[in-house]
Every structure is written in C-alpha cells, then in structure tokens.
Amino acid sequence: MTSPVRSVRLAELAEEPMVLLDLPHSRDYFQRIFSSAGVTPTVRYRSAVTTPALAVVLLTAANTRPTRRAQAIAQLCRERLRILTE
C-alpha cells in the first residue's frame, strides 16, 4: 500500500543539511530555486565531482517511525525510481 503523496515546501527543508553539486549550471539552478522561494538552504557539503549513479538505500531504525519529511523523501524516491524503470 502506497502512502498518499504530499507536497513538501522548500521552507520545510531549509534546515536539513544539503549536499550541493557545485558545478556552474547545477549550483546556479539550485540557488535560483531556493532564492525564488525566499529560502536559504543549509549547505553542509559541496561537491564539484560527478560520480556514476549509485544504488539508493532507505533505512529506518528499529522501533522508530520516520519523520514526515523522511516519509516524503522516501515516497519521492520510490516514484522517481519507478518512472526510470518503466
């Protein structure tokens, strides 16, 4: 059974640590998105290195329930991966 899709506002993610792909077009793209929403992201790490696609693993600690943010990200990953494999 899939969870209902819920929109997440950028402001809800502002305090979450972010890895910024620090290449000219990518950096500018993400800065424009956050800026247009009036949000300053919390950039924890920067990377100017591109890597091949990696497997995605979503884990939840035993006897815990993921936050709404974590649930939304997990649902987004499932949807995107499903689109890529169809």
PDB file of N, CA and C in Angstrom:
ATOM      1  N   MET A   1       0.854  -1.179   0.000  1.00  0.00           N
ATOM      2  CA  MET A   1       0.000   0.000   0.000  1.00  0.00           C
ATOM      3  C   MET A   1       0.888   1.225   0.000  1.00  0.00           C
ATOM      4  N   THR A   2       0.653   2.130  -0.922  1.00  0.00           N
ATOM      5  CA  THR A   2       1.481   3.330  -1.001  1.00  0.00           C
ATOM      6  C   THR A   2       0.881   4.446  -0.164  1.00  0.00           C
ATOM      7  N   SER A   3       1.744   5.296   0.342  1.00  0.00           N
ATOM      8  CA  SER A   3       1.305   6.450   1.127  1.00  0.00           C
ATOM      9  C   SER A   3       0.770   7.518   0.183  1.00  0.00           C
ATOM     10  N   PRO A   4      -0.165   8.344   0.670  1.00  0.00           N
ATOM     11  CA  PRO A   4      -0.638   9.430  -0.182  1.00  0.00           C
ATOM     12  C   PRO A   4       0.510  10.413  -0.440  1.00  0.00           C
ATOM     13  N   VAL A   5       0.533  10.979  -1.623  1.00  0.00           N
ATOM     14  CA  VAL A   5       1.580  11.929  -1.984  1.00  0.00           C
ATOM     15  C   VAL A   5       1.293  13.263  -1.304  1.00  0.00           C
ATOM     16  N   ARG A   6       2.313  13.820  -0.691  1.00  0.00           N
ATOM     17  CA  ARG A   6       2.174  15.104  -0.008  1.00  0.00           C
ATOM     18  C   ARG A   6       3.264  16.032  -0.515  1.00  0.00           C
ATOM     19  N   SER A   7       2.897  17.253  -0.805  1.00  0.00           N
ATOM     20  CA  SER A   7       3.879  18.240  -1.231  1.00  0.00           C
ATOM     21  C   SER A   7       4.712  18.681  -0.042  1.00  0.00           C
ATOM     22  N   VAL A   8       5.963  18.983  -0.316  1.00  0.00           N
ATOM     23  CA  VAL A   8       6.857  19.488   0.721  1.00  0.00           C
ATOM     24  C   VAL A   8       7.361  20.846   0.258  1.00  0.00           C
ATOM     25  N   ARG A   9       7.180  21.850   1.095  1.00  0.00           N
ATOM     26  CA  ARG A   9       7.646  23.192   0.752  1.00  0.00           C
ATOM     27  C   ARG A   9       9.147  23.283   1.011  1.00  0.00           C
ATOM     28  N   LEU A  10       9.823  24.063   0.180  1.00  0.00           N
ATOM     29  CA  LEU A  10      11.265  24.221   0.366  1.00  0.00           C
ATOM     30  C   LEU A  10      11.593  24.751   1.759  1.00  0.00           C
ATOM     31  N   ALA A  11      10.738  25.592   2.298  1.00  0.00           N
ATOM     32  CA  ALA A  11      10.978  26.131   3.639  1.00  0.00           C
ATOM     33  C   ALA A  11      11.070  25.010   4.673  1.00  0.00           C
ATOM     34  N   GLU A  12      10.345  23.905   4.458  1.00  0.00           N
ATOM     35  CA  GLU A  12      10.397  22.772   5.380  1.00  0.00           C
ATOM     36  C   GLU A  12      11.742  22.060   5.316  1.00  0.00           C
ATOM     37  N   LEU A  13      12.439  22.193   4.199  1.00  0.00           N
ATOM     38  CA  LEU A  13      13.722  21.526   4.020  1.00  0.00           C
ATOM     39  C   LEU A  13      14.910  22.435   4.305  1.00  0.00           C
ATOM     40  N   ALA A  14      14.659  23.704   4.544  1.00  0.00           N
ATOM     41  CA  ALA A  14      15.738  24.689   4.675  1.00  0.00           C
ATOM     42  C   ALA A  14      16.765  24.322   5.737  1.00  0.00           C
ATOM     43  N   GLU A  15      16.332  23.756   6.845  1.00  0.00           N
ATOM     44  CA  GLU A  15      17.267  23.435   7.923  1.00  0.00           C
ATOM     45  C   GLU A  15      17.896  22.055   7.776  1.00  0.00           C
ATOM     46  N   GLU A  16      17.419  21.287   6.804  1.00  0.00           N
ATOM     47  CA  GLU A  16      18.007  19.969   6.573  1.00  0.00           C
ATOM     48  C   GLU A  16      19.354  20.149   5.867  1.00  0.00           C
ATOM     49  N   PRO A  17      20.379  19.373   6.248  1.00  0.00           N
ATOM     50  CA  PRO A  17      21.673  19.507   5.579  1.00  0.00           C
ATOM     51  C   PRO A  17      21.572  19.096   4.112  1.00  0.00           C
ATOM     52  N   MET A  18      22.277  19.841   3.274  1.00  0.00           N
ATOM     53  CA  MET A  18      22.211  19.617   1.827  1.00  0.00           C
ATOM     54  C   MET A  18      23.604  19.403   1.267  1.00  0.00           C
ATOM     55  N   VAL A  19      23.702  18.531   0.289  1.00  0.00           N
ATOM     56  CA  VAL A  19      24.933  18.373  -0.484  1.00  0.00           C
ATOM     57  C   VAL A  19      24.701  19.112  -1.794  1.00  0.00           C
ATOM     58  N   LEU A  20      25.478  20.147  -2.042  1.00  0.00           N
ATOM     59  CA  LEU A  20      25.319  20.956  -3.240  1.00  0.00           C
ATOM     60  C   LEU A  20      26.275  20.482  -4.318  1.00  0.00           C
ATOM     61  N   LEU A  21      25.729  20.137  -5.474  1.00  0.00           N
ATOM     62  CA  LEU A  21      26.567  19.812  -6.619  1.00  0.00           C
ATOM     63  C   LEU A  21      27.090  21.149  -7.130  1.00  0.00           C
ATOM     64  N   ASP A  22      28.336  21.439  -6.811  1.00  0.00           N
ATOM     65  CA  ASP A  22      28.908  22.764  -7.017  1.00  0.00           C
ATOM     66  C   ASP A  22      29.559  22.902  -8.393  1.00  0.00           C
ATOM     67  N   LEU A  23      28.748  22.700  -9.420  1.00  0.00           N
ATOM     68  CA  LEU A  23      29.159  22.926 -10.795  1.00  0.00           C
ATOM     69  C   LEU A  23      28.347  24.112 -11.299  1.00  0.00           C
ATOM     70  N   PRO A  24      28.877  24.907 -12.227  1.00  0.00           N
ATOM     71  CA  PRO A  24      28.219  26.161 -12.606  1.00  0.00           C
ATOM     72  C   PRO A  24      26.713  26.054 -12.863  1.00  0.00           C
ATOM     73  N   HIS A  25      26.269  25.193 -13.728  1.00  0.00           N
ATOM     74  CA  HIS A  25      24.836  25.153 -14.044  1.00  0.00           C
ATOM     75  C   HIS A  25      24.015  24.588 -12.890  1.00  0.00           C
ATOM     76  N   SER A  26      24.500  23.559 -12.246  1.00  0.00           N
ATOM     77  CA  SER A  26      23.760  22.952 -11.128  1.00  0.00           C
ATOM     78  C   SER A  26      23.672  23.904  -9.949  1.00  0.00           C
ATOM     79  N   ARG A  27      24.795  24.497  -9.575  1.00  0.00           N
ATOM     80  CA  ARG A  27      24.817  25.424  -8.444  1.00  0.00           C
ATOM     81  C   ARG A  27      23.849  26.576  -8.693  1.00  0.00           C
ATOM     82  N   ASP A  28      23.923  27.175  -9.885  1.00  0.00           N
ATOM     83  CA  ASP A  28      23.059  28.315 -10.204  1.00  0.00           C
ATOM     84  C   ASP A  28      21.592  27.915 -10.210  1.00  0.00           C
ATOM     85  N   TYR A  29      21.297  26.741 -10.738  1.00  0.00           N
ATOM     86  CA  TYR A  29      19.926  26.245 -10.795  1.00  0.00           C
ATOM     87  C   TYR A  29      19.325  26.119  -9.400  1.00  0.00           C
ATOM     88  N   PHE A  30      20.045  25.436  -8.493  1.00  0.00           N
ATOM     89  CA  PHE A  30      19.519  25.244  -7.143  1.00  0.00           C
ATOM     90  C   PHE A  30      19.463  26.548  -6.362  1.00  0.00           C
ATOM     91  N   GLN A  31      20.430  27.427  -6.569  1.00  0.00           N
ATOM     92  CA  GLN A  31      20.393  28.720  -5.881  1.00  0.00           C
ATOM     93  C   GLN A  31      19.176  29.528  -6.329  1.00  0.00           C
ATOM     94  N   ARG A  32      18.855  29.482  -7.617  1.00  0.00           N
ATOM     95  CA  ARG A  32      17.669  30.197  -8.117  1.00  0.00           C
ATOM     96  C   ARG A  32      16.382  29.623  -7.526  1.00  0.00           C
ATOM     97  N   ILE A  33      16.297  28.305  -7.450  1.00  0.00           N
ATOM     98  CA  ILE A  33      15.085  27.675  -6.901  1.00  0.00           C
ATOM     99  C   ILE A  33      14.870  28.104  -5.451  1.00  0.00           C
ATOM    100  N   PHE A  34      15.907  27.990  -4.637  1.00  0.00           N
ATOM    101  CA  PHE A  34      15.773  28.364  -3.232  1.00  0.00           C
ATOM    102  C   PHE A  34      15.526  29.865  -3.084  1.00  0.00           C
ATOM    103  N   SER A  35      16.242  30.651  -3.851  1.00  0.00           N
ATOM    104  CA  SER A  35      16.086  32.103  -3.770  1.00  0.00           C
ATOM    105  C   SER A  35      14.674  32.535  -4.150  1.00  0.00           C
ATOM    106  N   SER A  36      14.124  31.941  -5.202  1.00  0.00           N
ATOM    107  CA  SER A  36      12.768  32.314  -5.628  1.00  0.00           C
ATOM    108  C   SER A  36      11.725  31.967  -4.568  1.00  0.00           C
ATOM    109  N   ALA A  37      12.047  31.008  -3.707  1.00  0.00           N
ATOM    110  CA  ALA A  37      11.134  30.642  -2.617  1.00  0.00           C
ATOM    111  C   ALA A  37      11.441  31.424  -1.345  1.00  0.00           C
ATOM    112  N   GLY A  38      12.476  32.290  -1.404  1.00  0.00           N
ATOM    113  CA  GLY A  38      12.846  33.074  -0.226  1.00  0.00           C
ATOM    114  C   GLY A  38      13.487  32.229   0.855  1.00  0.00           C
ATOM    115  N   VAL A  39      14.164  31.159   0.448  1.00  0.00           N
ATOM    116  CA  VAL A  39      14.742  30.195   1.382  1.00  0.00           C
ATOM    117  C   VAL A  39      16.253  30.133   1.195  1.00  0.00           C
ATOM    118  N   THR A  40      16.971  30.066   2.305  1.00  0.00           N
ATOM    119  CA  THR A  40      18.414  29.861   2.253  1.00  0.00           C
ATOM    120  C   THR A  40      18.690  28.431   2.693  1.00  0.00           C
ATOM    121  N   PRO A  41      19.223  27.593   1.796  1.00  0.00           N
ATOM    122  CA  PRO A  41      19.462  26.200   2.163  1.00  0.00           C
ATOM    123  C   PRO A  41      20.636  26.067   3.133  1.00  0.00           C
ATOM    124  N   THR A  42      20.646  24.994   3.876  1.00  0.00           N
ATOM    125  CA  THR A  42      21.750  24.680   4.776  1.00  0.00           C
ATOM    126  C   THR A  42      22.693  23.756   4.014  1.00  0.00           C
ATOM    127  N   VAL A  43      23.679  24.361   3.354  1.00  0.00           N
ATOM    128  CA  VAL A  43      24.627  23.570   2.565  1.00  0.00           C
ATOM    129  C   VAL A  43      25.683  23.031   3.518  1.00  0.00           C
ATOM    130  N   ARG A  44      25.660  21.728   3.721  1.00  0.00           N
ATOM    131  CA  ARG A  44      26.604  21.083   4.635  1.00  0.00           C
ATOM    132  C   ARG A  44      27.869  20.692   3.893  1.00  0.00           C
ATOM    133  N   TYR A  45      27.702  20.219   2.655  1.00  0.00           N
ATOM    134  CA  TYR A  45      28.839  19.788   1.848  1.00  0.00           C
ATOM    135  C   TYR A  45      28.684  20.305   0.427  1.00  0.00           C
ATOM    136  N   ARG A  46      29.803  20.466  -0.241  1.00  0.00           N
ATOM    137  CA  ARG A  46      29.820  20.847  -1.654  1.00  0.00           C
ATOM    138  C   ARG A  46      30.652  19.821  -2.402  1.00  0.00           C
ATOM    139  N   SER A  47      30.229  19.521  -3.607  1.00  0.00           N
ATOM    140  CA  SER A  47      30.986  18.587  -4.420  1.00  0.00           C
ATOM    141  C   SER A  47      31.030  19.097  -5.851  1.00  0.00           C
ATOM    142  N   ALA A  48      32.217  19.128  -6.411  1.00  0.00           N
ATOM    143  CA  ALA A  48      32.370  19.507  -7.814  1.00  0.00           C
ATOM    144  C   ALA A  48      32.716  18.277  -8.638  1.00  0.00           C
ATOM    145  N   VAL A  49      32.531  17.124  -8.040  1.00  0.00           N
ATOM    146  CA  VAL A  49      32.866  15.867  -8.699  1.00  0.00           C
ATOM    147  C   VAL A  49      31.575  15.137  -9.024  1.00  0.00           C
ATOM    148  N   THR A  50      31.446  14.724 -10.259  1.00  0.00           N
ATOM    149  CA  THR A  50      30.287  13.909 -10.620  1.00  0.00           C
ATOM    150  C   THR A  50      30.684  12.448 -10.522  1.00  0.00           C
ATOM    151  N   THR A  51      29.755  11.632 -10.122  1.00  0.00           N
ATOM    152  CA  THR A  51      30.014  10.199  -9.972  1.00  0.00           C
ATOM    153  C   THR A  51      28.958   9.424 -10.735  1.00  0.00           C
ATOM    154  N   PRO A  52      29.238   8.184 -11.049  1.00  0.00           N
ATOM    155  CA  PRO A  52      28.198   7.372 -11.691  1.00  0.00           C
ATOM    156  C   PRO A  52      27.032   7.164 -10.726  1.00  0.00           C
ATOM    157  N   ALA A  53      25.906   6.805 -11.263  1.00  0.00           N
ATOM    158  CA  ALA A  53      24.718   6.570 -10.436  1.00  0.00           C
ATOM    159  C   ALA A  53      25.008   5.531  -9.365  1.00  0.00           C
ATOM    160  N   LEU A  54      24.458   5.747  -8.198  1.00  0.00           N
ATOM    161  CA  LEU A  54      24.636   4.842  -7.066  1.00  0.00           C
ATOM    162  C   LEU A  54      23.296   4.235  -6.681  1.00  0.00           C
ATOM    163  N   ALA A  55      23.346   3.106  -6.055  1.00  0.00           N
ATOM    164  CA  ALA A  55      22.123   2.496  -5.532  1.00  0.00           C
ATOM    165  C   ALA A  55      21.595   3.358  -4.384  1.00  0.00           C
ATOM    166  N   VAL A  56      20.303   3.407  -4.246  1.00  0.00           N
ATOM    167  CA  VAL A  56      19.678   4.166  -3.170  1.00  0.00           C
ATOM    168  C   VAL A  56      19.157   3.184  -2.135  1.00  0.00           C
ATOM    169  N   VAL A  57      19.520   3.406  -0.887  1.00  0.00           N
ATOM    170  CA  VAL A  57      19.047   2.572   0.206  1.00  0.00           C
ATOM    171  C   VAL A  57      18.421   3.487   1.254  1.00  0.00           C
ATOM    172  N   LEU A  58      17.180   3.217   1.605  1.00  0.00           N
ATOM    173  CA  LEU A  58      16.491   3.993   2.632  1.00  0.00           C
ATOM    174  C   LEU A  58      16.328   3.112   3.859  1.00  0.00           C
ATOM    175  N   LEU A  59      16.847   3.563   4.979  1.00  0.00           N
ATOM    176  CA  LEU A  59      16.806   2.782   6.206  1.00  0.00           C
ATOM    177  C   LEU A  59      16.007   3.497   7.279  1.00  0.00           C
ATOM    178  N   THR A  60      15.398   2.713   8.136  1.00  0.00           N
ATOM    179  CA  THR A  60      14.709   3.231   9.305  1.00  0.00           C
ATOM    180  C   THR A  60      15.179   2.421  10.504  1.00  0.00           C
ATOM    181  N   ALA A  61      15.542   3.110  11.567  1.00  0.00           N
ATOM    182  CA  ALA A  61      15.986   2.416  12.773  1.00  0.00           C
ATOM    183  C   ALA A  61      14.839   1.578  13.337  1.00  0.00           C
ATOM    184  N   ALA A  62      15.188   0.448  13.927  1.00  0.00           N
ATOM    185  CA  ALA A  62      14.184  -0.444  14.505  1.00  0.00           C
ATOM    186  C   ALA A  62      13.372   0.285  15.569  1.00  0.00           C
ATOM    187  N   ASN A  63      12.093   0.005  15.604  1.00  0.00           N
ATOM    188  CA  ASN A  63      11.179   0.555  16.606  1.00  0.00           C
ATOM    189  C   ASN A  63      11.073   2.073  16.561  1.00  0.00           C
ATOM    190  N   THR A  64      11.271   2.641  15.382  1.00  0.00           N
ATOM    191  CA  THR A  64      11.095   4.084  15.214  1.00  0.00           C
ATOM    192  C   THR A  64      10.189   4.327  14.017  1.00  0.00           C
ATOM    193  N   ARG A  65       9.663   5.506  13.961  1.00  0.00           N
ATOM    194  CA  ARG A  65       8.834   5.890  12.822  1.00  0.00           C
ATOM    195  C   ARG A  65       9.514   7.066  12.126  1.00  0.00           C
ATOM    196  N   PRO A  66       9.669   7.004  10.805  1.00  0.00           N
ATOM    197  CA  PRO A  66      10.319   8.115  10.106  1.00  0.00           C
ATOM    198  C   PRO A  66       9.510   9.398  10.247  1.00  0.00           C
ATOM    199  N   THR A  67      10.197  10.528  10.227  1.00  0.00           N
ATOM    200  CA  THR A  67       9.517  11.817  10.268  1.00  0.00           C
ATOM    201  C   THR A  67       8.711  12.004   8.987  1.00  0.00           C
ATOM    202  N   ARG A  68       7.827  12.976   8.983  1.00  0.00           N
ATOM    203  CA  ARG A  68       7.060  13.253   7.768  1.00  0.00           C
ATOM    204  C   ARG A  68       7.986  13.632   6.624  1.00  0.00           C
ATOM    205  N   ARG A  69       9.043  14.351   6.926  1.00  0.00           N
ATOM    206  CA  ARG A  69       9.998  14.732   5.879  1.00  0.00           C
ATOM    207  C   ARG A  69      10.661  13.489   5.285  1.00  0.00           C
ATOM    208  N   ALA A  70      11.085  12.589   6.159  1.00  0.00           N
ATOM    209  CA  ALA A  70      11.735  11.366   5.685  1.00  0.00           C
ATOM    210  C   ALA A  70      10.757  10.529   4.871  1.00  0.00           C
ATOM    211  N   GLN A  71       9.509  10.459   5.288  1.00  0.00           N
ATOM    212  CA  GLN A  71       8.494   9.714   4.541  1.00  0.00           C
ATOM    213  C   GLN A  71       8.277  10.334   3.164  1.00  0.00           C
ATOM    214  N   ALA A  72       8.253  11.670   3.109  1.00  0.00           N
ATOM    215  CA  ALA A  72       8.051  12.355   1.829  1.00  0.00           C
ATOM    216  C   ALA A  72       9.218  12.100   0.877  1.00  0.00           C
ATOM    217  N   ILE A  73      10.446  12.138   1.401  1.00  0.00           N
ATOM    218  CA  ILE A  73      11.621  11.874   0.570  1.00  0.00           C
ATOM    219  C   ILE A  73      11.603  10.425   0.075  1.00  0.00           C
ATOM    220  N   ALA A  74      11.254   9.499   0.952  1.00  0.00           N
ATOM    221  CA  ALA A  74      11.193   8.088   0.563  1.00  0.00           C
ATOM    222  C   ALA A  74      10.158   7.885  -0.542  1.00  0.00           C
ATOM    223  N   GLN A  75       9.010   8.523  -0.410  1.00  0.00           N
ATOM    224  CA  GLN A  75       7.965   8.398  -1.430  1.00  0.00           C
ATOM    225  C   GLN A  75       8.438   8.995  -2.748  1.00  0.00           C
ATOM    226  N   LEU A  76       9.093  10.136  -2.702  1.00  0.00           N
ATOM    227  CA  LEU A  76       9.611  10.764  -3.916  1.00  0.00           C
ATOM    228  C   LEU A  76      10.627   9.849  -4.601  1.00  0.00           C
ATOM    229  N   CYS A  77      11.510   9.244  -3.822  1.00  0.00           N
ATOM    230  CA  CYS A  77      12.495   8.314  -4.391  1.00  0.00           C
ATOM    231  C   CYS A  77      11.805   7.134  -5.065  1.00  0.00           C
ATOM    232  N   ARG A  78      10.801   6.584  -4.400  1.00  0.00           N
ATOM    233  CA  ARG A  78      10.077   5.446  -4.989  1.00  0.00           C
ATOM    234  C   ARG A  78       9.443   5.830  -6.322  1.00  0.00           C
ATOM    235  N   GLU A  79       8.809   7.017  -6.345  1.00  0.00           N
ATOM    236  CA  GLU A  79       8.149   7.463  -7.572  1.00  0.00           C
ATOM    237  C   GLU A  79       9.156   7.688  -8.685  1.00  0.00           C
ATOM    238  N   ARG A  80      10.258   8.356  -8.379  1.00  0.00           N
ATOM    239  CA  ARG A  80      11.259   8.652  -9.400  1.00  0.00           C
ATOM    240  C   ARG A  80      11.897   7.381  -9.930  1.00  0.00           C
ATOM    241  N   LEU A  81      12.200   6.453  -9.036  1.00  0.00           N
ATOM    242  CA  LEU A  81      12.805   5.192  -9.473  1.00  0.00           C
ATOM    243  C   LEU A  81      11.840   4.382 -10.323  1.00  0.00           C
ATOM    244  N   ARG A  82      10.563   4.421  -9.970  1.00  0.00           N
ATOM    245  CA  ARG A  82       9.556   3.706 -10.751  1.00  0.00           C
ATOM    246  C   ARG A  82       9.479   4.292 -12.158  1.00  0.00           C
ATOM    247  N   ILE A  83       9.529   5.618 -12.279  1.00  0.00           N
ATOM    248  CA  ILE A  83       9.482   6.278 -13.592  1.00  0.00           C
ATOM    249  C   ILE A  83      10.698   5.876 -14.414  1.00  0.00           C
ATOM    250  N   LEU A  84      11.874   5.814 -13.792  1.00  0.00           N
ATOM    251  CA  LEU A  84      13.105   5.480 -14.511  1.00  0.00           C
ATOM    252  C   LEU A  84      13.131   4.040 -14.990  1.00  0.00           C
ATOM    253  N   THR A  85      12.441   3.153 -14.285  1.00  0.00           N
ATOM    254  CA  THR A  85      12.495   1.737 -14.643  1.00  0.00           C
ATOM    255  C   THR A  85      11.338   1.292 -15.529  1.00  0.00           C
ATOM    256  N   GLU A  86      10.399   2.173 -15.802  1.00  0.00           N
ATOM    257  CA  GLU A  86       9.256   1.801 -16.654  1.00  0.00           C
ATOM    258  C   GLU A  86       9.626   1.855 -18.108  1.00  0.00           C
TER     259      GLU A  86
END
